[in-house]
Amino acid sequence: MTDVLANFEAIESNESATHTLKLKSRKLIITNDSSGVDLLFKLNASEAFGTLQPTESISMYVTTRQVIIQAADNYRIWSFG
């Protein structure tokens, strides 16, 4: 099966934030661009944080409109809908 993803939103930042996506994602990629600091992420306030170590990425098929990040260095969020 081939996925068809028609919408794309990119977020780049270097500070902790709650990002509200313009459209619901179907695929989400979060990349920790730091070379020495962990990044914490979660998709809603009631979840526990997941950890991305320096230079690590995660790619997931998930439907969400929110990404919560705790970070002290550069990161990227790519959302495909």
N, C-alpha and C. Protein backbone atom coordinates (compact mmCIF):
# COMPACT_ATOMS: atom_id res chain seq x y z
N MET A 1 0.84 -1.18 0.00
CA MET A 1 0.00 0.00 0.00
C MET A 1 0.89 1.24 0.00
N THR A 2 0.56 2.20 -0.81
CA THR A 2 1.28 3.46 -0.87
C THR A 2 0.45 4.54 -0.19
N ASP A 3 1.10 5.29 0.69
CA ASP A 3 0.41 6.39 1.37
C ASP A 3 0.40 7.62 0.49
N VAL A 4 -0.73 8.31 0.48
CA VAL A 4 -0.84 9.56 -0.24
C VAL A 4 -1.02 10.65 0.81
N LEU A 5 -0.02 11.52 0.91
CA LEU A 5 -0.04 12.59 1.89
C LEU A 5 -0.03 13.92 1.14
N ALA A 6 -1.11 14.70 1.27
CA ALA A 6 -1.30 15.86 0.42
C ALA A 6 -0.87 17.18 1.06
N ASN A 7 -0.80 17.25 2.38
CA ASN A 7 -0.50 18.50 3.05
C ASN A 7 0.79 18.39 3.84
N PHE A 8 1.53 19.49 3.95
CA PHE A 8 2.80 19.49 4.66
C PHE A 8 2.90 20.75 5.50
N GLU A 9 3.34 20.60 6.73
CA GLU A 9 3.61 21.73 7.61
C GLU A 9 4.95 21.49 8.29
N ALA A 10 5.81 22.50 8.30
CA ALA A 10 7.12 22.39 8.93
C ALA A 10 7.23 23.40 10.06
N ILE A 11 7.76 22.94 11.18
CA ILE A 11 8.02 23.80 12.34
C ILE A 11 9.48 23.62 12.72
N GLU A 12 10.19 24.71 12.88
CA GLU A 12 11.58 24.68 13.35
C GLU A 12 11.68 25.62 14.53
N SER A 13 12.31 25.16 15.60
CA SER A 13 12.41 25.99 16.80
C SER A 13 13.59 25.53 17.64
N ASN A 14 13.84 26.26 18.71
CA ASN A 14 14.90 25.89 19.65
C ASN A 14 14.46 26.14 21.09
N GLU A 15 13.15 26.15 21.32
CA GLU A 15 12.64 26.38 22.67
C GLU A 15 11.44 25.50 22.95
N SER A 16 11.16 25.29 24.23
CA SER A 16 10.01 24.50 24.64
C SER A 16 8.73 25.20 24.21
N ALA A 17 7.76 24.42 23.71
CA ALA A 17 6.52 25.01 23.23
C ALA A 17 5.47 23.93 23.02
N THR A 18 4.22 24.36 23.02
CA THR A 18 3.11 23.53 22.59
C THR A 18 2.73 24.00 21.19
N HIS A 19 2.94 23.15 20.19
CA HIS A 19 2.67 23.51 18.80
C HIS A 19 1.30 22.96 18.41
N THR A 20 0.43 23.84 17.93
CA THR A 20 -0.87 23.43 17.40
C THR A 20 -0.76 23.42 15.89
N LEU A 21 -0.96 22.25 15.31
CA LEU A 21 -0.84 22.09 13.86
C LEU A 21 -2.07 22.68 13.16
N LYS A 22 -1.87 23.21 11.97
CA LYS A 22 -2.97 23.79 11.20
C LYS A 22 -3.98 22.74 10.76
N LEU A 23 -3.48 21.57 10.41
CA LEU A 23 -4.33 20.45 10.00
C LEU A 23 -3.96 19.22 10.82
N LYS A 24 -4.86 18.29 10.96
CA LYS A 24 -4.53 17.04 11.63
C LYS A 24 -3.46 16.30 10.83
N SER A 25 -2.48 15.81 11.55
CA SER A 25 -1.43 15.06 10.87
C SER A 25 -1.88 13.63 10.61
N ARG A 26 -1.29 13.01 9.61
CA ARG A 26 -1.41 11.57 9.39
C ARG A 26 -0.06 10.92 9.59
N LYS A 27 0.99 11.68 9.32
CA LYS A 27 2.35 11.22 9.56
C LYS A 27 3.11 12.37 10.20
N LEU A 28 3.89 12.05 11.22
CA LEU A 28 4.62 13.06 11.96
C LEU A 28 6.08 12.63 12.07
N ILE A 29 6.99 13.55 11.80
CA ILE A 29 8.42 13.30 11.97
C ILE A 29 8.96 14.39 12.90
N ILE A 30 9.59 13.95 13.99
CA ILE A 30 10.21 14.88 14.92
C ILE A 30 11.70 14.58 14.93
N THR A 31 12.53 15.61 14.75
CA THR A 31 13.98 15.45 14.70
C THR A 31 14.64 16.36 15.72
N ASN A 32 15.49 15.76 16.54
CA ASN A 32 16.29 16.52 17.49
C ASN A 32 17.60 16.89 16.79
N ASP A 33 17.76 18.16 16.45
CA ASP A 33 18.95 18.62 15.74
C ASP A 33 20.12 18.95 16.66
N SER A 34 19.92 18.81 17.95
CA SER A 34 20.99 19.09 18.91
C SER A 34 22.08 18.02 18.82
N SER A 35 23.30 18.43 19.09
CA SER A 35 24.39 17.46 19.13
C SER A 35 24.71 17.03 20.55
N GLY A 36 23.99 17.58 21.56
CA GLY A 36 24.32 17.20 22.92
C GLY A 36 23.20 17.26 23.94
N VAL A 37 21.98 17.62 23.53
CA VAL A 37 20.88 17.79 24.49
C VAL A 37 19.69 16.93 24.08
N ASP A 38 19.10 16.21 25.03
CA ASP A 38 17.89 15.43 24.77
C ASP A 38 16.70 16.35 24.50
N LEU A 39 15.73 15.86 23.74
CA LEU A 39 14.47 16.53 23.46
C LEU A 39 13.36 15.65 24.02
N LEU A 40 12.40 16.24 24.71
CA LEU A 40 11.24 15.52 25.23
C LEU A 40 10.03 15.93 24.41
N PHE A 41 9.17 14.94 24.07
CA PHE A 41 7.97 15.25 23.28
C PHE A 41 6.79 14.42 23.77
N LYS A 42 5.60 14.95 23.55
CA LYS A 42 4.36 14.20 23.76
C LYS A 42 3.28 14.82 22.89
N LEU A 43 2.19 14.09 22.69
CA LEU A 43 1.15 14.52 21.76
C LEU A 43 -0.11 15.04 22.46
N ASN A 44 -0.20 14.88 23.77
CA ASN A 44 -1.26 15.52 24.54
C ASN A 44 -0.80 15.66 25.99
N ALA A 45 -1.43 16.56 26.72
CA ALA A 45 -0.96 16.93 28.06
C ALA A 45 -0.98 15.78 29.06
N SER A 46 -1.84 14.80 28.88
CA SER A 46 -1.96 13.72 29.86
C SER A 46 -0.96 12.58 29.67
N GLU A 47 -0.19 12.60 28.58
CA GLU A 47 0.79 11.54 28.32
C GLU A 47 2.10 11.80 29.05
N ALA A 48 2.90 10.76 29.19
CA ALA A 48 4.27 10.92 29.64
C ALA A 48 5.12 11.35 28.45
N PHE A 49 6.22 12.03 28.72
CA PHE A 49 7.12 12.46 27.66
C PHE A 49 7.91 11.29 27.10
N GLY A 50 8.15 11.30 25.80
CA GLY A 50 9.12 10.43 25.15
C GLY A 50 10.41 11.22 24.97
N THR A 51 11.52 10.52 24.83
CA THR A 51 12.82 11.18 24.72
C THR A 51 13.46 10.89 23.37
N LEU A 52 13.95 11.95 22.72
CA LEU A 52 14.80 11.80 21.55
C LEU A 52 16.20 12.24 21.95
N GLN A 53 17.15 11.38 21.81
CA GLN A 53 18.53 11.71 22.13
C GLN A 53 19.10 12.59 21.01
N PRO A 54 20.26 13.22 21.25
CA PRO A 54 20.85 14.10 20.23
C PRO A 54 20.95 13.43 18.86
N THR A 55 20.56 14.15 17.85
CA THR A 55 20.55 13.78 16.42
C THR A 55 19.58 12.64 16.10
N GLU A 56 18.71 12.26 17.00
CA GLU A 56 17.75 11.17 16.77
C GLU A 56 16.45 11.73 16.20
N SER A 57 15.75 10.90 15.40
CA SER A 57 14.44 11.25 14.83
C SER A 57 13.45 10.15 15.13
N ILE A 58 12.18 10.52 15.09
CA ILE A 58 11.11 9.53 15.17
C ILE A 58 10.11 9.85 14.07
N SER A 59 9.63 8.82 13.41
CA SER A 59 8.62 8.94 12.37
C SER A 59 7.46 8.06 12.77
N MET A 60 6.24 8.63 12.78
CA MET A 60 5.08 7.85 13.23
C MET A 60 3.84 8.23 12.44
N TYR A 61 3.02 7.24 12.24
CA TYR A 61 1.70 7.46 11.66
C TYR A 61 0.75 7.70 12.81
N VAL A 62 0.27 8.93 12.93
CA VAL A 62 -0.57 9.30 14.06
C VAL A 62 -1.45 10.48 13.63
N THR A 63 -2.65 10.52 14.16
CA THR A 63 -3.55 11.64 13.92
C THR A 63 -3.55 12.52 15.15
N THR A 64 -3.02 13.72 15.01
CA THR A 64 -2.96 14.66 16.13
C THR A 64 -2.96 16.09 15.61
N ARG A 65 -3.32 17.02 16.47
CA ARG A 65 -3.24 18.45 16.13
C ARG A 65 -2.29 19.18 17.05
N GLN A 66 -1.63 18.42 17.96
CA GLN A 66 -0.80 19.08 18.95
C GLN A 66 0.49 18.29 19.20
N VAL A 67 1.59 19.00 19.33
CA VAL A 67 2.88 18.40 19.69
C VAL A 67 3.48 19.28 20.79
N ILE A 68 3.77 18.67 21.93
CA ILE A 68 4.33 19.39 23.06
C ILE A 68 5.81 19.02 23.15
N ILE A 69 6.66 20.04 23.14
CA ILE A 69 8.11 19.83 23.12
C ILE A 69 8.75 20.52 24.32
N GLN A 70 9.67 19.81 24.98
CA GLN A 70 10.57 20.43 25.96
C GLN A 70 11.97 20.27 25.39
N ALA A 71 12.58 21.39 25.04
CA ALA A 71 13.88 21.35 24.39
C ALA A 71 14.65 22.63 24.69
N ALA A 72 15.97 22.51 24.66
CA ALA A 72 16.83 23.67 24.87
C ALA A 72 17.74 23.90 23.67
N ASP A 73 17.45 23.22 22.57
CA ASP A 73 18.28 23.35 21.37
C ASP A 73 17.40 23.13 20.15
N ASN A 74 17.96 23.16 18.97
CA ASN A 74 17.21 23.11 17.71
C ASN A 74 16.51 21.77 17.50
N TYR A 75 15.29 21.86 16.94
CA TYR A 75 14.52 20.68 16.55
C TYR A 75 13.61 21.04 15.39
N ARG A 76 13.12 19.99 14.70
CA ARG A 76 12.19 20.15 13.59
C ARG A 76 11.00 19.22 13.78
N ILE A 77 9.83 19.69 13.37
CA ILE A 77 8.62 18.88 13.32
C ILE A 77 8.09 18.98 11.90
N TRP A 78 7.90 17.84 11.27
CA TRP A 78 7.27 17.80 9.96
C TRP A 78 5.96 17.04 10.10
N SER A 79 4.88 17.66 9.65
CA SER A 79 3.56 17.05 9.70
C SER A 79 3.03 16.89 8.28
N PHE A 80 2.58 15.70 7.97
CA PHE A 80 1.99 15.40 6.66
C PHE A 80 0.54 14.98 6.88
N GLY A 81 -0.37 15.47 6.00
CA GLY A 81 -1.77 15.16 6.17
C GLY A 81 -2.35 14.45 4.99
